[in-house]
Structures are given as C-alpha cells and as structure tokens.
Amino acid sequence: MTRTPPAPTKEEGHKINNRIDSREVRLIGADGQNVGVVPTRQALIMAEEAGLDLVEISPDAKPPVAKILDYGKFRFQEQKRQAEARKKQKVIEIKEIKLRPMIDDHDFDVKMKAAKRFFEEGDKVKFTLRFRGREMDHQDLGYKLLLRVKADMAEISKVELEPKPEGRQIIMILNPKGKG
C-alpha cells in the first residue's frame, strides 16, 4: 500500500502534482492557453512530458483550476509579489508633541516645525498639554494654546479629536490632510 504525501498546509499554499485530489481539473497549459476540463491523470502526464509541475491555482472552482508551470519559479514570483505589497504598506503612527501652557514663542515654533514634518510623513500627531501645580486654575490658557496650534496647522491637517481634558492634561489629535 503506497502512502500519499500529506496535504499542504495553508502556508504551503497550492497543491501540486500527485497531491491534487480531484478527478478532473480545468487545465491551463504551459503556454497560458486554456486546454479545458481534463482528467487529473491526463493533466499530470502532460505536465510530466513538458518537464514541469501541475499546480492547483484555484481550488475552490468547480472543477478546480490547475496550471502547468515551473513550481519553483511560481513560488519565487509569488514571494516577490507579497514582498512588494508589504513594501507599499504604510503604517500610520501617532507621534506625540508635549506642550506647556506658558511655552515660549521660539519653543512653540520648534514644536510646530516638528509637527509639520510628522504630517508630511503621513503620521497623526497627538498634542499633549500638561499642567503643573496651580496652572490647573488657568486651563483657559491651555485651550487657547491648542486653538492656536489648530489654527497654525489648519492648512495641512484636520482635527480628529477636539481638545479634551484628561486629568492634569488636555489632549488633541490631528490627522494629516488627505488621510482618514
């Protein structure tokens, strides 16, 4: 009694050659032409004659779609495609800029330059305005400062979270314009 190799796991991907368990397949030849529905045995013989592999491309179709190709080359191309897709993904980060209610004008300008750079890179910016001691009695100064930030950044950003108090601080989140 001969033992068949175990079915491929999801990571392995496609069934190849003798692992294809359906009786017949919709065959696509090595040249890319649609051969039509043929028995799996016949498709295996055709692949062997061409010196290539029979690879099940679409297992959910009725009957499954199989293609005659070089499996090693096919896997390499697939990995390249996935790597390219990963490269194009941009992870949006939230950068934080901490402010104080009595910030000096020059320090404020430096923080705004940093925020502009973050927006250009496509990141969100969370402004955290922290109060110490008796500064809590003058929260209006904090709100005025965050409104100034919002006004300065209006051309390149939009508000995701309006200024809201959280304990001894007020936070506000801005998105770069053109992003969700």
Protein backbone atom coordinates (compact mmCIF):
# COMPACT_ATOMS: atom_id res chain seq x y z
CA MET A 1 0.00 0.00 0.00
CA THR A 2 1.53 3.30 -1.09
CA ARG A 3 1.22 6.29 1.17
CA THR A 4 0.27 9.65 -0.32
CA PRO A 5 2.12 12.72 0.93
CA PRO A 6 0.21 14.85 3.46
CA ALA A 7 -1.90 17.65 2.07
CA PRO A 8 -0.17 21.02 2.11
CA THR A 9 -0.91 23.36 4.99
CA LYS A 10 -2.25 26.85 4.34
CA GLU A 11 1.29 28.29 4.49
CA GLU A 12 2.50 25.96 1.74
CA GLY A 13 -0.27 27.24 -0.47
CA HIS A 14 -1.01 25.27 -3.61
CA LYS A 15 -1.44 21.54 -4.19
CA ILE A 16 0.98 20.23 -6.78
CA ASN A 17 1.26 17.11 -8.94
CA ASN A 18 0.02 13.97 -7.12
CA ARG A 19 -1.40 15.98 -4.22
CA ILE A 20 -4.26 17.24 -6.39
CA ASP A 21 -7.15 15.05 -5.24
CA SER A 22 -9.96 15.99 -7.63
CA ARG A 23 -10.88 13.67 -10.53
CA GLU A 24 -10.69 16.36 -13.18
CA VAL A 25 -9.30 19.87 -13.50
CA ARG A 26 -9.77 22.87 -15.75
CA LEU A 27 -6.31 22.90 -17.28
CA ILE A 28 -4.26 25.86 -18.38
CA GLY A 29 -1.28 24.80 -20.45
CA ALA A 30 2.35 25.87 -20.06
CA ASP A 31 1.79 28.49 -22.79
CA GLY A 32 -1.13 30.07 -20.88
CA GLN A 33 -3.81 28.67 -23.21
CA ASN A 34 -7.00 27.21 -21.72
CA VAL A 35 -6.96 23.49 -22.56
CA GLY A 36 -10.35 22.84 -20.95
CA VAL A 37 -11.61 20.24 -18.45
CA VAL A 38 -9.42 17.13 -18.48
CA PRO A 39 -8.95 14.16 -16.10
CA THR A 40 -6.26 14.89 -13.49
CA ARG A 41 -4.23 11.83 -14.64
CA GLN A 42 -4.04 13.18 -18.19
CA ALA A 43 -3.07 16.65 -16.91
CA LEU A 44 -0.26 15.07 -14.81
CA ILE A 45 1.05 13.20 -17.85
CA MET A 46 1.00 16.42 -19.93
CA ALA A 47 2.92 18.28 -17.18
CA GLU A 48 5.48 15.48 -16.91
CA GLU A 49 6.03 15.47 -20.68
CA ALA A 50 6.66 19.23 -20.55
CA GLY A 51 9.10 18.71 -17.66
CA LEU A 52 7.01 20.98 -15.44
CA ASP A 53 4.63 20.72 -12.48
CA LEU A 54 0.84 20.62 -12.34
CA VAL A 55 -0.21 23.28 -9.80
CA GLU A 56 -3.75 23.78 -8.47
CA ILE A 57 -4.26 27.54 -8.82
CA SER A 58 -7.91 27.91 -7.82
CA PRO A 59 -9.04 25.01 -5.59
CA ASP A 60 -12.50 26.50 -4.89
CA ALA A 61 -13.63 26.49 -8.53
CA LYS A 62 -15.73 23.63 -9.92
CA PRO A 63 -13.74 21.82 -11.28
CA PRO A 64 -10.51 23.22 -9.71
CA VAL A 65 -8.24 25.23 -11.99
CA ALA A 66 -4.76 23.77 -12.49
CA LYS A 67 -1.86 25.13 -14.48
CA ILE A 68 1.24 23.54 -15.96
CA LEU A 69 4.26 25.56 -14.81
CA ASP A 70 7.62 25.51 -13.01
CA TYR A 71 6.56 25.45 -9.35
CA GLY A 72 9.86 26.79 -8.00
CA LYS A 73 9.68 29.80 -10.31
CA PHE A 74 5.98 30.26 -9.48
CA ARG A 75 6.70 30.33 -5.70
CA PHE A 76 9.54 32.78 -6.22
CA GLN A 77 7.27 35.14 -8.22
CA GLU A 78 4.57 34.87 -5.54
CA GLN A 79 7.03 35.71 -2.76
CA LYS A 80 8.28 38.67 -4.76
CA ARG A 81 4.71 39.92 -5.23
CA GLN A 82 3.98 39.61 -1.48
CA ALA A 83 7.21 41.42 -0.56
CA GLU A 84 6.29 44.24 -2.96
CA ALA A 85 2.82 44.53 -1.38
CA ARG A 86 4.37 44.68 2.11
CA LYS A 87 6.76 47.39 0.94
CA LYS A 88 3.88 49.58 -0.24
CA GLN A 89 2.03 49.41 3.09
CA LYS A 90 2.42 52.49 5.27
CA VAL A 91 1.85 52.08 8.98
CA ILE A 92 0.32 55.26 10.35
CA GLU A 93 1.91 56.12 13.64
CA ILE A 94 0.74 58.57 16.25
CA LYS A 95 3.54 60.96 17.15
CA GLU A 96 3.23 62.92 20.37
CA ILE A 97 4.21 66.53 20.96
CA LYS A 98 4.16 67.72 24.56
CA LEU A 99 3.41 71.33 25.34
CA ARG A 100 3.18 73.53 28.47
CA PRO A 101 0.70 76.39 28.95
CA MET A 102 3.41 79.06 29.31
CA ILE A 103 5.54 77.89 26.34
CA ASP A 104 7.93 80.42 24.83
CA ASP A 105 7.27 81.55 21.22
CA HIS A 106 10.51 80.08 19.90
CA ASP A 107 9.87 76.73 21.58
CA PHE A 108 6.35 76.77 20.14
CA ASP A 109 7.76 77.37 16.63
CA VAL A 110 10.19 74.45 17.03
CA LYS A 111 7.32 72.15 18.09
CA MET A 112 5.22 73.28 15.09
CA LYS A 113 8.09 72.51 12.68
CA ALA A 114 8.30 69.01 14.14
CA ALA A 115 4.52 68.60 13.75
CA LYS A 116 4.69 69.70 10.10
CA ARG A 117 7.42 67.13 9.46
CA PHE A 118 5.27 64.40 11.04
CA PHE A 119 2.30 65.40 8.85
CA GLU A 120 4.48 65.29 5.72
CA GLU A 121 5.49 61.72 6.65
CA GLY A 122 1.78 60.82 6.88
CA ASP A 123 1.64 60.37 10.66
CA LYS A 124 -1.02 61.56 13.10
CA VAL A 125 0.08 63.96 15.83
CA LYS A 126 -1.19 63.92 19.40
CA PHE A 127 -0.69 67.22 21.21
CA THR A 128 -0.50 66.80 24.98
CA LEU A 129 -0.67 69.96 27.07
CA ARG A 130 0.37 69.24 30.66
CA PHE A 131 -0.48 71.38 33.68
CA ARG A 132 1.62 71.53 36.85
CA GLY A 133 0.58 72.80 40.26
CA ARG A 134 -1.50 75.97 40.15
CA GLU A 135 -1.55 76.02 36.34
CA MET A 136 -4.72 73.92 36.66
CA ASP A 137 -6.51 77.11 37.73
CA HIS A 138 -5.79 78.60 34.28
CA GLN A 139 -6.95 75.87 31.90
CA ASP A 140 -8.24 78.58 29.58
CA LEU A 141 -4.59 79.36 28.68
CA GLY A 142 -4.15 75.73 27.68
CA TYR A 143 -7.25 75.75 25.48
CA LYS A 144 -6.10 78.99 23.83
CA LEU A 145 -2.71 77.42 23.08
CA LEU A 146 -4.30 74.33 21.50
CA LEU A 147 -6.63 76.53 19.44
CA ARG A 148 -3.52 78.39 18.24
CA VAL A 149 -1.97 75.03 17.27
CA LYS A 150 -5.16 74.07 15.43
CA ALA A 151 -5.21 77.40 13.55
CA ASP A 152 -1.50 77.16 12.62
CA MET A 153 -1.93 73.59 11.34
CA ALA A 154 -5.29 74.14 9.59
CA GLU A 155 -3.78 74.12 6.06
CA ILE A 156 -2.00 70.78 6.43
CA SER A 157 -4.13 68.93 8.98
CA LYS A 158 -7.62 68.31 10.25
CA VAL A 159 -8.85 67.62 13.74
CA GLU A 160 -9.55 64.00 14.67
CA LEU A 161 -10.08 64.66 18.38
CA GLU A 162 -11.03 68.12 19.67
CA PRO A 163 -9.12 69.34 22.74
CA LYS A 164 -10.39 67.44 25.76
CA PRO A 165 -9.20 67.30 29.35
CA GLU A 166 -7.74 64.12 30.80
CA GLY A 167 -6.74 64.63 34.41
CA ARG A 168 -3.92 67.21 34.60
CA GLN A 169 -3.59 67.45 30.83
CA ILE A 170 -5.52 68.34 27.70
CA ILE A 171 -5.08 66.26 24.56
CA MET A 172 -5.86 66.93 20.90
CA ILE A 173 -5.20 64.65 17.89
CA LEU A 174 -4.68 65.97 14.36
CA ASN A 175 -4.57 63.96 11.11
CA PRO A 176 -2.62 64.97 8.03
CA LYS A 177 -4.97 66.33 5.34
CA GLY A 178 -5.97 63.74 2.77
CA LYS A 179 -5.82 60.87 5.29
CA GLY A 180 -8.72 59.16 7.10
